[in-house]
Amino acid sequence: MAKYKLDLHDIYNKGTLIDQALNEAIDECVESKIGTLEIIPGKGSGQLKKKVIRFLEQKHIKNKYHRIDKDSKNFGRLFVYFKFK
């Protein structure tokens, strides 16, 4: 199954760009029926990861995906899974 990777290291301190990048990645996955979105907020202080999770928990975004998984081996990585009929 296809996977889309979004690395946020370059824009970690630019809030609006982060939201935009997340929106684009999710839309790309939905449109192209890509089953897994790998988001790399990096390890850092954990603030970016929290921001990403808050973003993903918004109702209009949550409707688009199936579930979120935190990588147990790599704290700086999240997976978003999509389900298509």
Protein backbone atom coordinates (compact mmCIF):
# COMPACT_ATOMS: atom_id res chain seq x y z
CA MET A 1 0.00 0.00 0.00
CA ALA A 2 1.23 3.50 -0.84
CA LYS A 3 2.60 5.80 1.82
CA TYR A 4 2.97 9.58 1.89
CA LYS A 5 5.70 11.15 4.03
CA LEU A 6 5.52 14.66 5.50
CA ASP A 7 8.65 15.92 7.26
CA LEU A 8 7.99 19.07 9.30
CA HIS A 9 11.60 19.75 10.32
CA ASP A 10 12.01 22.67 7.90
CA ILE A 11 8.86 24.52 8.98
CA TYR A 12 8.66 23.58 12.67
CA ASN A 13 8.33 27.21 13.80
CA LYS A 14 5.85 28.41 11.16
CA GLY A 15 2.35 27.65 12.45
CA THR A 16 0.33 28.53 9.35
CA LEU A 17 2.70 26.62 7.06
CA ILE A 18 2.40 23.56 9.29
CA ASP A 19 -1.41 23.61 9.07
CA GLN A 20 -1.20 24.14 5.31
CA ALA A 21 1.29 21.28 4.87
CA LEU A 22 -0.88 18.95 6.98
CA ASN A 23 -4.01 19.89 5.04
CA GLU A 24 -2.28 19.32 1.70
CA ALA A 25 -0.84 15.96 2.81
CA ILE A 26 -4.22 14.73 4.07
CA ASP A 27 -6.01 15.90 0.92
CA GLU A 28 -3.36 14.22 -1.25
CA CYS A 29 -3.82 10.94 0.63
CA VAL A 30 -7.60 11.12 0.31
CA GLU A 31 -7.58 12.07 -3.38
CA SER A 32 -4.93 9.53 -4.35
CA LYS A 33 -6.27 6.83 -2.00
CA ILE A 34 -2.95 6.60 -0.16
CA GLY A 35 -3.50 4.44 2.91
CA THR A 36 -0.79 5.77 5.22
CA LEU A 37 0.48 9.26 5.98
CA GLU A 38 3.75 9.35 7.91
CA ILE A 39 4.22 12.67 9.70
CA ILE A 40 7.63 13.54 11.14
CA PRO A 41 7.38 16.39 13.64
CA GLY A 42 10.77 15.39 15.03
CA LYS A 43 11.69 14.82 18.65
CA GLY A 44 12.51 18.28 20.02
CA SER A 45 10.42 19.50 22.94
CA GLY A 46 7.30 17.64 21.81
CA GLN A 47 5.41 20.87 21.14
CA LEU A 48 5.21 20.33 17.38
CA LYS A 49 3.94 16.78 17.87
CA LYS A 50 1.23 18.11 20.22
CA LYS A 51 0.28 20.74 17.63
CA VAL A 52 0.04 18.07 14.92
CA ILE A 53 -2.18 15.89 17.13
CA ARG A 54 -4.41 18.88 17.99
CA PHE A 55 -4.70 19.61 14.26
CA LEU A 56 -5.62 15.99 13.50
CA GLU A 57 -8.26 15.97 16.25
CA GLN A 58 -10.28 18.79 14.69
CA LYS A 59 -13.67 17.42 13.71
CA HIS A 60 -13.48 18.34 10.00
CA ILE A 61 -10.06 16.68 9.74
CA LYS A 62 -10.92 13.65 11.86
CA ASN A 63 -13.71 12.78 9.38
CA LYS A 64 -11.09 12.21 6.68
CA TYR A 65 -8.99 9.51 8.32
CA HIS A 66 -9.45 6.20 10.11
CA ARG A 67 -6.94 6.34 13.00
CA ILE A 68 -3.65 7.77 14.28
CA ASP A 69 -0.75 5.72 15.56
CA LYS A 70 2.29 6.96 17.45
CA ASP A 71 5.47 5.14 16.49
CA SER A 72 6.55 3.17 19.57
CA LYS A 73 10.15 2.98 18.34
CA ASN A 74 10.50 6.60 17.22
CA PHE A 75 8.97 9.34 19.40
CA GLY A 76 9.34 11.86 16.55
CA ARG A 77 6.97 10.09 14.16
CA LEU A 78 3.21 9.67 13.74
CA PHE A 79 1.19 7.61 11.32
CA VAL A 80 -2.27 8.53 10.03
CA TYR A 81 -4.25 5.69 8.46
CA PHE A 82 -6.98 6.12 5.89
CA LYS A 83 -9.74 3.68 4.98
CA PHE A 84 -11.27 3.66 1.52
CA LYS A 85 -14.39 1.86 0.35
